[in-house]
Amino acid sequence: MKKLLEYLVSEITGSDKFSVTENVNNDLIELTVAADPEILGLIIGKKGKTIRNIRNILKVKATLEKKGVNVNVSEKTD
């Protein structure tokens, strides 16, 4: 699941200035994308459409694996 999210974000942004952390609790997978402020807008998209579509793609994969998924986006702090 983490690799799929990393692939989607890197292809959308054309950048590697982000990191993805994965936290697994039983049947729930929590993914957090920490990105530089300059690419944060590309990940979220206009009116949140891009992140909504990313979440939908990951929900399909999670449903096939009989799990739940939650995707969060935050600003990278270094």
Protein backbone atom coordinates (compact mmCIF):
# COMPACT_ATOMS: atom_id res chain seq x y z
CA MET A 1 0.00 0.00 0.00
CA LYS A 2 2.86 2.35 0.87
CA LYS A 3 4.62 1.70 -2.44
CA LEU A 4 1.43 2.46 -4.38
CA LEU A 5 1.00 5.78 -2.58
CA GLU A 6 4.66 6.69 -3.12
CA TYR A 7 4.30 5.91 -6.83
CA LEU A 8 1.12 7.97 -7.21
CA VAL A 9 2.52 11.01 -5.38
CA SER A 10 5.84 10.93 -7.25
CA GLU A 11 4.09 10.70 -10.63
CA ILE A 12 1.63 13.48 -9.79
CA THR A 13 4.25 15.88 -8.42
CA GLY A 14 7.27 14.88 -10.47
CA SER A 15 9.29 15.28 -7.29
CA ASP A 16 10.82 13.21 -4.51
CA LYS A 17 10.51 15.91 -1.83
CA PHE A 18 8.09 13.88 0.28
CA SER A 19 8.04 10.90 2.59
CA VAL A 20 5.34 8.35 3.34
CA THR A 21 4.90 6.69 6.73
CA GLU A 22 2.74 3.63 7.25
CA ASN A 23 1.11 2.58 10.51
CA VAL A 24 -0.78 -0.73 10.59
CA ASN A 25 -3.38 -1.43 13.29
CA ASN A 26 -5.10 -4.79 12.77
CA ASP A 27 -7.25 -4.17 9.67
CA LEU A 28 -6.62 -0.42 9.38
CA ILE A 29 -3.69 1.04 7.48
CA GLU A 30 -2.87 4.68 8.20
CA LEU A 31 -0.68 6.40 5.63
CA THR A 32 0.75 9.90 6.06
CA VAL A 33 2.39 11.89 3.30
CA ALA A 34 4.76 14.57 4.59
CA ALA A 35 5.63 16.88 1.70
CA ASP A 36 7.44 20.15 1.07
CA PRO A 37 5.08 23.15 0.95
CA GLU A 38 5.89 23.75 -2.72
CA ILE A 39 4.35 20.42 -3.80
CA LEU A 40 1.63 20.21 -1.15
CA GLY A 41 -0.84 21.98 -3.42
CA LEU A 42 -0.21 19.49 -6.23
CA ILE A 43 -1.00 16.57 -3.91
CA ILE A 44 -4.20 18.13 -2.58
CA GLY A 45 -5.37 19.56 -5.91
CA LYS A 46 -8.08 22.07 -6.69
CA LYS A 47 -10.88 21.73 -4.11
CA GLY A 48 -9.18 18.52 -2.88
CA LYS A 49 -9.92 16.53 -6.01
CA THR A 50 -6.46 14.99 -6.37
CA ILE A 51 -6.18 13.70 -2.80
CA ARG A 52 -9.77 12.45 -2.98
CA ASN A 53 -8.92 10.43 -6.09
CA ILE A 54 -5.72 9.09 -4.48
CA ARG A 55 -7.80 7.96 -1.48
CA ASN A 56 -10.32 6.27 -3.80
CA ILE A 57 -7.57 4.32 -5.59
CA LEU A 58 -6.13 3.16 -2.26
CA LYS A 59 -9.61 2.22 -0.98
CA VAL A 60 -10.04 -0.12 -3.95
CA LYS A 61 -6.77 -1.89 -3.13
CA ALA A 62 -7.65 -1.99 0.59
CA THR A 63 -11.07 -3.47 -0.16
CA LEU A 64 -9.45 -6.24 -2.20
CA GLU A 65 -7.19 -6.97 0.79
CA LYS A 66 -10.18 -6.73 3.21
CA LYS A 67 -8.63 -3.81 5.10
CA GLY A 68 -9.38 -0.16 5.77
CA VAL A 69 -7.16 2.70 4.72
CA ASN A 70 -6.75 6.29 5.86
CA VAL A 71 -4.55 8.79 4.00
CA ASN A 72 -3.38 12.06 5.57
CA VAL A 73 -1.29 14.86 4.10
CA SER A 74 0.93 17.14 6.15
CA GLU A 75 3.69 19.66 5.63
CA LYS A 76 7.20 18.25 5.98
CA THR A 77 9.09 19.62 8.97
CA ASP A 78 12.88 19.35 8.79
